[in-house]
Amino acid sequence: MLYTFSKADYAPRELADLLARLTTQDAVLLWQDGVLLALKYGDYFAKHSSQVYLFEPDIRARGLSALIQQKNKSFNRIQMPQLVQLTTRYFPQLAL
């Protein structure tokens, strides 16, 4: 399953519960304002860092490149072609 997060505000407990359900067959995409979650709740995602993808155009649009590089080097930063590949590889998709 592909979990996509597009908002910057989630209750910490709700976010922790959602991430606890992840399996090795799942992936997480942080895009739009969701890229802010990598800074705000980076520790929540760290356990699953190999499965977490951040959409590079949204990082740049918000001026977060340096901050994310400093704090969360282990997350996968992707462009549109890789995003398309994610959607074909992981299904169903759940927008949160």
PDB file of N, CA and C in Angstrom:
ATOM      1  N   MET A   1       0.840  -1.166   0.000  1.00  0.00           N
ATOM      2  CA  MET A   1       0.000   0.000   0.000  1.00  0.00           C
ATOM      3  C   MET A   1       0.894   1.240   0.000  1.00  0.00           C
ATOM      4  N   LEU A   2       0.437   2.278  -0.662  1.00  0.00           N
ATOM      5  CA  LEU A   2       1.132   3.558  -0.669  1.00  0.00           C
ATOM      6  C   LEU A   2       0.306   4.541   0.156  1.00  0.00           C
ATOM      7  N   TYR A   3       0.895   5.017   1.243  1.00  0.00           N
ATOM      8  CA  TYR A   3       0.274   6.017   2.095  1.00  0.00           C
ATOM      9  C   TYR A   3       0.816   7.380   1.679  1.00  0.00           C
ATOM     10  N   THR A   4      -0.063   8.297   1.326  1.00  0.00           N
ATOM     11  CA  THR A   4       0.388   9.626   0.937  1.00  0.00           C
ATOM     12  C   THR A   4      -0.108  10.639   1.959  1.00  0.00           C
ATOM     13  N   PHE A   5       0.819  11.449   2.450  1.00  0.00           N
ATOM     14  CA  PHE A   5       0.516  12.492   3.420  1.00  0.00           C
ATOM     15  C   PHE A   5       0.723  13.839   2.741  1.00  0.00           C
ATOM     16  N   SER A   6      -0.331  14.636   2.684  1.00  0.00           N
ATOM     17  CA  SER A   6      -0.243  15.928   2.004  1.00  0.00           C
ATOM     18  C   SER A   6      -0.455  17.111   2.944  1.00  0.00           C
ATOM     19  N   LYS A   7      -0.758  16.851   4.195  1.00  0.00           N
ATOM     20  CA  LYS A   7      -0.970  17.929   5.164  1.00  0.00           C
ATOM     21  C   LYS A   7       0.191  17.960   6.164  1.00  0.00           C
ATOM     22  N   ALA A   8       0.379  19.115   6.785  1.00  0.00           N
ATOM     23  CA  ALA A   8       1.476  19.272   7.751  1.00  0.00           C
ATOM     24  C   ALA A   8       1.042  18.965   9.181  1.00  0.00           C
ATOM     25  N   ASP A   9      -0.254  18.891   9.426  1.00  0.00           N
ATOM     26  CA  ASP A   9      -0.742  18.711  10.792  1.00  0.00           C
ATOM     27  C   ASP A   9      -1.511  17.410  10.948  1.00  0.00           C
ATOM     28  N   TYR A  10      -0.954  16.543  11.756  1.00  0.00           N
ATOM     29  CA  TYR A  10      -1.614  15.310  12.160  1.00  0.00           C
ATOM     30  C   TYR A  10      -1.402  15.190  13.656  1.00  0.00           C
ATOM     31  N   ALA A  11      -2.361  14.668  14.342  1.00  0.00           N
ATOM     32  CA  ALA A  11      -2.181  14.427  15.774  1.00  0.00           C
ATOM     33  C   ALA A  11      -1.063  13.401  15.939  1.00  0.00           C
ATOM     34  N   PRO A  12      -0.148  13.628  16.859  1.00  0.00           N
ATOM     35  CA  PRO A  12       0.981  12.698  17.018  1.00  0.00           C
ATOM     36  C   PRO A  12       0.545  11.249  17.213  1.00  0.00           C
ATOM     37  N   ARG A  13      -0.479  11.036  18.002  1.00  0.00           N
ATOM     38  CA  ARG A  13      -0.946   9.665  18.260  1.00  0.00           C
ATOM     39  C   ARG A  13      -1.515   9.037  16.981  1.00  0.00           C
ATOM     40  N   GLU A  14      -2.280   9.813  16.223  1.00  0.00           N
ATOM     41  CA  GLU A  14      -2.851   9.327  14.960  1.00  0.00           C
ATOM     42  C   GLU A  14      -1.736   8.945  13.989  1.00  0.00           C
ATOM     43  N   LEU A  15      -0.736   9.795  13.890  1.00  0.00           N
ATOM     44  CA  LEU A  15       0.389   9.531  12.998  1.00  0.00           C
ATOM     45  C   LEU A  15       1.142   8.276  13.433  1.00  0.00           C
ATOM     46  N   ALA A  16       1.400   8.155  14.717  1.00  0.00           N
ATOM     47  CA  ALA A  16       2.100   6.973  15.239  1.00  0.00           C
ATOM     48  C   ALA A  16       1.303   5.698  14.958  1.00  0.00           C
ATOM     49  N   ASP A  17      -0.015   5.764  15.132  1.00  0.00           N
ATOM     50  CA  ASP A  17      -0.865   4.593  14.864  1.00  0.00           C
ATOM     51  C   ASP A  17      -0.825   4.199  13.391  1.00  0.00           C
ATOM     52  N   LEU A  18      -0.873   5.177  12.506  1.00  0.00           N
ATOM     53  CA  LEU A  18      -0.815   4.887  11.074  1.00  0.00           C
ATOM     54  C   LEU A  18       0.527   4.260  10.690  1.00  0.00           C
ATOM     55  N   LEU A  19       1.601   4.803  11.211  1.00  0.00           N
ATOM     56  CA  LEU A  19       2.927   4.282  10.864  1.00  0.00           C
ATOM     57  C   LEU A  19       3.185   2.913  11.482  1.00  0.00           C
ATOM     58  N   ALA A  20       2.538   2.620  12.598  1.00  0.00           N
ATOM     59  CA  ALA A  20       2.689   1.305  13.230  1.00  0.00           C
ATOM     60  C   ALA A  20       2.112   0.199  12.350  1.00  0.00           C
ATOM     61  N   ARG A  21       1.218   0.543  11.447  1.00  0.00           N
ATOM     62  CA  ARG A  21       0.593  -0.434  10.553  1.00  0.00           C
ATOM     63  C   ARG A  21       1.437  -0.762   9.328  1.00  0.00           C
ATOM     64  N   LEU A  22       2.491   0.000   9.100  1.00  0.00           N
ATOM     65  CA  LEU A  22       3.314  -0.230   7.914  1.00  0.00           C
ATOM     66  C   LEU A  22       3.982  -1.592   7.950  1.00  0.00           C
ATOM     67  N   THR A  23       4.012  -2.212   6.794  1.00  0.00           N
ATOM     68  CA  THR A  23       4.739  -3.466   6.637  1.00  0.00           C
ATOM     69  C   THR A  23       5.848  -3.232   5.609  1.00  0.00           C
ATOM     70  N   THR A  24       6.644  -4.233   5.368  1.00  0.00           N
ATOM     71  CA  THR A  24       7.708  -4.111   4.371  1.00  0.00           C
ATOM     72  C   THR A  24       7.138  -4.009   2.959  1.00  0.00           C
ATOM     73  N   GLN A  25       5.862  -4.279   2.797  1.00  0.00           N
ATOM     74  CA  GLN A  25       5.202  -4.192   1.492  1.00  0.00           C
ATOM     75  C   GLN A  25       4.611  -2.811   1.233  1.00  0.00           C
ATOM     76  N   ASP A  26       4.811  -1.863   2.164  1.00  0.00           N
ATOM     77  CA  ASP A  26       4.206  -0.541   2.084  1.00  0.00           C
ATOM     78  C   ASP A  26       5.252   0.549   1.882  1.00  0.00           C
ATOM     79  N   ALA A  27       4.786   1.705   1.434  1.00  0.00           N
ATOM     80  CA  ALA A  27       5.642   2.883   1.292  1.00  0.00           C
ATOM     81  C   ALA A  27       4.845   4.115   1.714  1.00  0.00           C
ATOM     82  N   VAL A  28       5.583   5.165   2.061  1.00  0.00           N
ATOM     83  CA  VAL A  28       4.987   6.432   2.489  1.00  0.00           C
ATOM     84  C   VAL A  28       5.506   7.532   1.581  1.00  0.00           C
ATOM     85  N   LEU A  29       4.615   8.364   1.097  1.00  0.00           N
ATOM     86  CA  LEU A  29       4.996   9.528   0.303  1.00  0.00           C
ATOM     87  C   LEU A  29       4.588  10.785   1.060  1.00  0.00           C
ATOM     88  N   LEU A  30       5.565  11.655   1.315  1.00  0.00           N
ATOM     89  CA  LEU A  30       5.288  12.969   1.900  1.00  0.00           C
ATOM     90  C   LEU A  30       5.386  13.975   0.767  1.00  0.00           C
ATOM     91  N   TRP A  31       4.288  14.658   0.492  1.00  0.00           N
ATOM     92  CA  TRP A  31       4.282  15.636  -0.580  1.00  0.00           C
ATOM     93  C   TRP A  31       3.372  16.784  -0.201  1.00  0.00           C
ATOM     94  N   GLN A  32       3.333  17.793  -1.045  1.00  0.00           N
ATOM     95  CA  GLN A  32       2.634  19.039  -0.747  1.00  0.00           C
ATOM     96  C   GLN A  32       3.097  19.505   0.642  1.00  0.00           C
ATOM     97  N   ASP A  33       2.185  19.914   1.518  1.00  0.00           N
ATOM     98  CA  ASP A  33       2.612  20.337   2.858  1.00  0.00           C
ATOM     99  C   ASP A  33       3.072  19.161   3.718  1.00  0.00           C
ATOM    100  N   GLY A  34       2.817  17.960   3.274  1.00  0.00           N
ATOM    101  CA  GLY A  34       3.253  16.775   4.007  1.00  0.00           C
ATOM    102  C   GLY A  34       4.762  16.668   4.153  1.00  0.00           C
ATOM    103  N   VAL A  35       5.528  17.330   3.281  1.00  0.00           N
ATOM    104  CA  VAL A  35       6.988  17.279   3.418  1.00  0.00           C
ATOM    105  C   VAL A  35       7.439  17.894   4.738  1.00  0.00           C
ATOM    106  N   LEU A  36       6.616  18.764   5.310  1.00  0.00           N
ATOM    107  CA  LEU A  36       6.948  19.367   6.611  1.00  0.00           C
ATOM    108  C   LEU A  36       6.960  18.328   7.731  1.00  0.00           C
ATOM    109  N   LEU A  37       6.260  17.232   7.533  1.00  0.00           N
ATOM    110  CA  LEU A  37       6.251  16.162   8.545  1.00  0.00           C
ATOM    111  C   LEU A  37       7.638  15.571   8.755  1.00  0.00           C
ATOM    112  N   ALA A  38       8.461  15.584   7.718  1.00  0.00           N
ATOM    113  CA  ALA A  38       9.824  15.062   7.844  1.00  0.00           C
ATOM    114  C   ALA A  38      10.623  15.865   8.862  1.00  0.00           C
ATOM    115  N   LEU A  39      10.305  17.136   8.996  1.00  0.00           N
ATOM    116  CA  LEU A  39      10.971  17.977   9.989  1.00  0.00           C
ATOM    117  C   LEU A  39      10.264  17.905  11.337  1.00  0.00           C
ATOM    118  N   LYS A  40       8.966  17.969  11.295  1.00  0.00           N
ATOM    119  CA  LYS A  40       8.164  18.029  12.516  1.00  0.00           C
ATOM    120  C   LYS A  40       8.156  16.702  13.284  1.00  0.00           C
ATOM    121  N   TYR A  41       8.033  15.605  12.559  1.00  0.00           N
ATOM    122  CA  TYR A  41       7.934  14.276  13.173  1.00  0.00           C
ATOM    123  C   TYR A  41       8.941  13.306  12.564  1.00  0.00           C
ATOM    124  N   GLY A  42      10.130  13.774  12.301  1.00  0.00           N
ATOM    125  CA  GLY A  42      11.147  12.930  11.673  1.00  0.00           C
ATOM    126  C   GLY A  42      11.395  11.631  12.406  1.00  0.00           C
ATOM    127  N   ASP A  43      11.340  11.679  13.737  1.00  0.00           N
ATOM    128  CA  ASP A  43      11.576  10.463  14.524  1.00  0.00           C
ATOM    129  C   ASP A  43      10.505   9.406  14.292  1.00  0.00           C
ATOM    130  N   TYR A  44       9.294   9.844  14.023  1.00  0.00           N
ATOM    131  CA  TYR A  44       8.212   8.899  13.767  1.00  0.00           C
ATOM    132  C   TYR A  44       8.478   8.092  12.500  1.00  0.00           C
ATOM    133  N   PHE A  45       9.064   8.750  11.524  1.00  0.00           N
ATOM    134  CA  PHE A  45       9.312   8.117  10.233  1.00  0.00           C
ATOM    135  C   PHE A  45      10.661   7.401  10.166  1.00  0.00           C
ATOM    136  N   ALA A  46      11.556   7.679  11.097  1.00  0.00           N
ATOM    137  CA  ALA A  46      12.933   7.162  11.042  1.00  0.00           C
ATOM    138  C   ALA A  46      12.977   5.635  10.994  1.00  0.00           C
ATOM    139  N   LYS A  47      12.116   4.990  11.715  1.00  0.00           N
ATOM    140  CA  LYS A  47      12.092   3.515  11.739  1.00  0.00           C
ATOM    141  C   LYS A  47      11.831   2.942  10.345  1.00  0.00           C
ATOM    142  N   HIS A  48      11.135   3.705   9.534  1.00  0.00           N
ATOM    143  CA  HIS A  48      10.742   3.251   8.194  1.00  0.00           C
ATOM    144  C   HIS A  48      11.443   4.058   7.101  1.00  0.00           C
ATOM    145  N   SER A  49      12.594   4.618   7.394  1.00  0.00           N
ATOM    146  CA  SER A  49      13.220   5.587   6.483  1.00  0.00           C
ATOM    147  C   SER A  49      13.425   5.048   5.073  1.00  0.00           C
ATOM    148  N   SER A  50      13.694   3.765   4.921  1.00  0.00           N
ATOM    149  CA  SER A  50      13.898   3.223   3.570  1.00  0.00           C
ATOM    150  C   SER A  50      12.599   3.188   2.767  1.00  0.00           C
ATOM    151  N   GLN A  51      11.464   3.311   3.431  1.00  0.00           N
ATOM    152  CA  GLN A  51      10.163   3.262   2.781  1.00  0.00           C
ATOM    153  C   GLN A  51       9.520   4.642   2.662  1.00  0.00           C
ATOM    154  N   VAL A  52      10.213   5.688   3.138  1.00  0.00           N
ATOM    155  CA  VAL A  52       9.647   7.034   3.148  1.00  0.00           C
ATOM    156  C   VAL A  52      10.234   7.836   1.995  1.00  0.00           C
ATOM    157  N   TYR A  53       9.358   8.431   1.197  1.00  0.00           N
ATOM    158  CA  TYR A  53       9.757   9.215   0.041  1.00  0.00           C
ATOM    159  C   TYR A  53       9.246  10.639   0.202  1.00  0.00           C
ATOM    160  N   LEU A  54      10.111  11.595  -0.084  1.00  0.00           N
ATOM    161  CA  LEU A  54       9.751  13.007  -0.052  1.00  0.00           C
ATOM    162  C   LEU A  54       9.804  13.551  -1.469  1.00  0.00           C
ATOM    163  N   PHE A  55       8.778  14.275  -1.854  1.00  0.00           N
ATOM    164  CA  PHE A  55       8.693  14.802  -3.212  1.00  0.00           C
ATOM    165  C   PHE A  55       9.544  16.059  -3.311  1.00  0.00           C
ATOM    166  N   GLU A  56      10.630  15.952  -4.056  1.00  0.00           N
ATOM    167  CA  GLU A  56      11.637  17.008  -4.166  1.00  0.00           C
ATOM    168  C   GLU A  56      11.076  18.372  -4.597  1.00  0.00           C
ATOM    169  N   PRO A  57      10.199  18.446  -5.599  1.00  0.00           N
ATOM    170  CA  PRO A  57       9.665  19.768  -5.963  1.00  0.00           C
ATOM    171  C   PRO A  57       8.947  20.473  -4.805  1.00  0.00           C
ATOM    172  N   ASP A  58       8.272  19.718  -3.951  1.00  0.00           N
ATOM    173  CA  ASP A  58       7.597  20.321  -2.800  1.00  0.00           C
ATOM    174  C   ASP A  58       8.591  20.764  -1.730  1.00  0.00           C
ATOM    175  N   ILE A  59       9.685  20.038  -1.587  1.00  0.00           N
ATOM    176  CA  ILE A  59      10.746  20.450  -0.657  1.00  0.00           C
ATOM    177  C   ILE A  59      11.337  21.781  -1.114  1.00  0.00           C
ATOM    178  N   ARG A  60      11.674  21.860  -2.383  1.00  0.00           N
ATOM    179  CA  ARG A  60      12.263  23.096  -2.927  1.00  0.00           C
ATOM    180  C   ARG A  60      11.285  24.259  -2.871  1.00  0.00           C
ATOM    181  N   ALA A  61      10.022  24.008  -3.186  1.00  0.00           N
ATOM    182  CA  ALA A  61       9.016  25.071  -3.195  1.00  0.00           C
ATOM    183  C   ALA A  61       8.852  25.705  -1.814  1.00  0.00           C
ATOM    184  N   ARG A  62       9.115  24.955  -0.785  1.00  0.00           N
ATOM    185  CA  ARG A  62       8.976  25.452   0.582  1.00  0.00           C
ATOM    186  C   ARG A  62      10.308  25.890   1.186  1.00  0.00           C
ATOM    187  N   GLY A  63      11.375  25.826   0.386  1.00  0.00           N
ATOM    188  CA  GLY A  63      12.692  26.256   0.863  1.00  0.00           C
ATOM    189  C   GLY A  63      13.255  25.386   1.967  1.00  0.00           C
ATOM    190  N   LEU A  64      12.984  24.084   1.902  1.00  0.00           N
ATOM    191  CA  LEU A  64      13.370  23.168   2.983  1.00  0.00           C
ATOM    192  C   LEU A  64      14.564  22.281   2.659  1.00  0.00           C
ATOM    193  N   SER A  65      15.185  22.458   1.512  1.00  0.00           N
ATOM    194  CA  SER A  65      16.254  21.546   1.095  1.00  0.00           C
ATOM    195  C   SER A  65      17.352  21.406   2.141  1.00  0.00           C
ATOM    196  N   ALA A  66      17.870  22.515   2.625  1.00  0.00           N
ATOM    197  CA  ALA A  66      18.973  22.470   3.599  1.00  0.00           C
ATOM    198  C   ALA A  66      18.521  21.867   4.921  1.00  0.00           C
ATOM    199  N   LEU A  67      17.347  22.241   5.393  1.00  0.00           N
ATOM    200  CA  LEU A  67      16.853  21.716   6.671  1.00  0.00           C
ATOM    201  C   LEU A  67      16.648  20.207   6.623  1.00  0.00           C
ATOM    202  N   ILE A  68      16.038  19.748   5.561  1.00  0.00           N
ATOM    203  CA  ILE A  68      15.788  18.305   5.445  1.00  0.00           C
ATOM    204  C   ILE A  68      17.100  17.553   5.274  1.00  0.00           C
ATOM    205  N   GLN A  69      18.026  18.115   4.548  1.00  0.00           N
ATOM    206  CA  GLN A  69      19.334  17.477   4.380  1.00  0.00           C
ATOM    207  C   GLN A  69      20.033  17.316   5.728  1.00  0.00           C
ATOM    208  N   GLN A  70      19.948  18.326   6.575  1.00  0.00           N
ATOM    209  CA  GLN A  70      20.583  18.284   7.895  1.00  0.00           C
ATOM    210  C   GLN A  70      19.929  17.259   8.808  1.00  0.00           C
ATOM    211  N   LYS A  71      18.601  17.277   8.865  1.00  0.00           N
ATOM    212  CA  LYS A  71      17.886  16.475   9.845  1.00  0.00           C
ATOM    213  C   LYS A  71      17.597  15.045   9.413  1.00  0.00           C
ATOM    214  N   ASN A  72      17.292  14.849   8.160  1.00  0.00           N
ATOM    215  CA  ASN A  72      16.779  13.554   7.717  1.00  0.00           C
ATOM    216  C   ASN A  72      17.467  13.094   6.442  1.00  0.00           C
ATOM    217  N   LYS A  73      18.697  12.718   6.567  1.00  0.00           N
ATOM    218  CA  LYS A  73      19.468  12.302   5.397  1.00  0.00           C
ATOM    219  C   LYS A  73      19.028  10.953   4.847  1.00  0.00           C
ATOM    220  N   SER A  74      18.337  10.163   5.644  1.00  0.00           N
ATOM    221  CA  SER A  74      18.032   8.793   5.243  1.00  0.00           C
ATOM    222  C   SER A  74      16.766   8.662   4.396  1.00  0.00           C
ATOM    223  N   PHE A  75      15.963   9.711   4.305  1.00  0.00           N
ATOM    224  CA  PHE A  75      14.750   9.626   3.505  1.00  0.00           C
ATOM    225  C   PHE A  75      15.083   9.711   2.021  1.00  0.00           C
ATOM    226  N   ASN A  76      14.262   9.087   1.219  1.00  0.00           N
ATOM    227  CA  ASN A  76      14.426   9.085  -0.238  1.00  0.00           C
ATOM    228  C   ASN A  76      13.758  10.320  -0.831  1.00  0.00           C
ATOM    229  N   ARG A  77      14.520  11.137  -1.504  1.00  0.00           N
ATOM    230  CA  ARG A  77      13.973  12.310  -2.183  1.00  0.00           C
ATOM    231  C   ARG A  77      13.768  11.948  -3.641  1.00  0.00           C
ATOM    232  N   ILE A  78      12.547  12.179  -4.136  1.00  0.00           N
ATOM    233  CA  ILE A  78      12.218  11.730  -5.485  1.00  0.00           C
ATOM    234  C   ILE A  78      11.642  12.866  -6.329  1.00  0.00           C
ATOM    235  N   GLN A  79      11.729  12.662  -7.636  1.00  0.00           N
ATOM    236  CA  GLN A  79      11.170  13.562  -8.637  1.00  0.00           C
ATOM    237  C   GLN A  79       9.922  12.905  -9.230  1.00  0.00           C
ATOM    238  N   MET A  80       9.299  13.560 -10.166  1.00  0.00           N
ATOM    239  CA  MET A  80       8.054  13.060 -10.770  1.00  0.00           C
ATOM    240  C   MET A  80       8.187  11.656 -11.395  1.00  0.00           C
ATOM    241  N   PRO A  81       9.259  11.345 -12.125  1.00  0.00           N
ATOM    242  CA  PRO A  81       9.329   9.988 -12.693  1.00  0.00           C
ATOM    243  C   PRO A  81       9.315   8.889 -11.618  1.00  0.00           C
ATOM    244  N   GLN A  82      10.006   9.122 -10.507  1.00  0.00           N
ATOM    245  CA  GLN A  82      10.020   8.139  -9.420  1.00  0.00           C
ATOM    246  C   GLN A  82       8.662   8.082  -8.718  1.00  0.00           C
ATOM    247  N   LEU A  83       7.970   9.215  -8.651  1.00  0.00           N
ATOM    248  CA  LEU A  83       6.639   9.243  -8.058  1.00  0.00           C
ATOM    249  C   LEU A  83       5.683   8.377  -8.870  1.00  0.00           C
ATOM    250  N   VAL A  84       5.780   8.486 -10.170  1.00  0.00           N
ATOM    251  CA  VAL A  84       4.944   7.655 -11.048  1.00  0.00           C
ATOM    252  C   VAL A  84       5.264   6.176 -10.819  1.00  0.00           C
ATOM    253  N   GLN A  85       6.546   5.843 -10.701  1.00  0.00           N
ATOM    254  CA  GLN A  85       6.935   4.456 -10.428  1.00  0.00           C
ATOM    255  C   GLN A  85       6.358   3.957  -9.106  1.00  0.00           C
ATOM    256  N   LEU A  86       6.354   4.827  -8.082  1.00  0.00           N
ATOM    257  CA  LEU A  86       5.768   4.440  -6.793  1.00  0.00           C
ATOM    258  C   LEU A  86       4.305   4.066  -6.944  1.00  0.00           C
ATOM    259  N   THR A  87       3.575   4.867  -7.708  1.00  0.00           N
ATOM    260  CA  THR A  87       2.140   4.611  -7.852  1.00  0.00           C
ATOM    261  C   THR A  87       1.850   3.330  -8.625  1.00  0.00           C
ATOM    262  N   THR A  88       2.779   2.914  -9.480  1.00  0.00           N
ATOM    263  CA  THR A  88       2.565   1.662 -10.196  1.00  0.00           C
ATOM    264  C   THR A  88       3.043   0.462  -9.383  1.00  0.00           C
ATOM    265  N   ARG A  89       3.958   0.691  -8.457  1.00  0.00           N
ATOM    266  CA  ARG A  89       4.502  -0.408  -7.658  1.00  0.00           C
ATOM    267  C   ARG A  89       3.669  -0.706  -6.416  1.00  0.00           C
ATOM    268  N   TYR A  90       3.185   0.344  -5.766  1.00  0.00           N
ATOM    269  CA  TYR A  90       2.449   0.171  -4.503  1.00  0.00           C
ATOM    270  C   TYR A  90       0.972   0.471  -4.715  1.00  0.00           C
ATOM    271  N   PHE A  91       0.143  -0.465  -4.346  1.00  0.00           N
ATOM    272  CA  PHE A  91      -1.285  -0.288  -4.431  1.00  0.00           C
ATOM    273  C   PHE A  91      -1.935  -1.206  -3.410  1.00  0.00           C
ATOM    274  N   PRO A  92      -3.099  -0.874  -2.969  1.00  0.00           N
ATOM    275  CA  PRO A  92      -3.837   0.360  -3.248  1.00  0.00           C
ATOM    276  C   PRO A  92      -3.121   1.567  -2.652  1.00  0.00           C
ATOM    277  N   GLN A  93      -3.658   2.737  -2.958  1.00  0.00           N
ATOM    278  CA  GLN A  93      -3.097   3.988  -2.441  1.00  0.00           C
ATOM    279  C   GLN A  93      -4.098   4.637  -1.511  1.00  0.00           C
ATOM    280  N   LEU A  94      -3.576   5.168  -0.411  1.00  0.00           N
ATOM    281  CA  LEU A  94      -4.414   5.798   0.601  1.00  0.00           C
ATOM    282  C   LEU A  94      -3.915   7.206   0.853  1.00  0.00           C
ATOM    283  N   ALA A  95      -4.742   8.191   0.545  1.00  0.00           N
ATOM    284  CA  ALA A  95      -4.383   9.591   0.783  1.00  0.00           C
ATOM    285  C   ALA A  95      -4.859   9.979   2.178  1.00  0.00           C
ATOM    286  N   LEU A  96      -3.915  10.470   2.965  1.00  0.00           N
ATOM    287  CA  LEU A  96      -4.250  10.859   4.338  1.00  0.00           C
ATOM    288  C   LEU A  96      -4.076  12.340   4.544  1.00  0.00           C
TER     289      LEU A  96
END
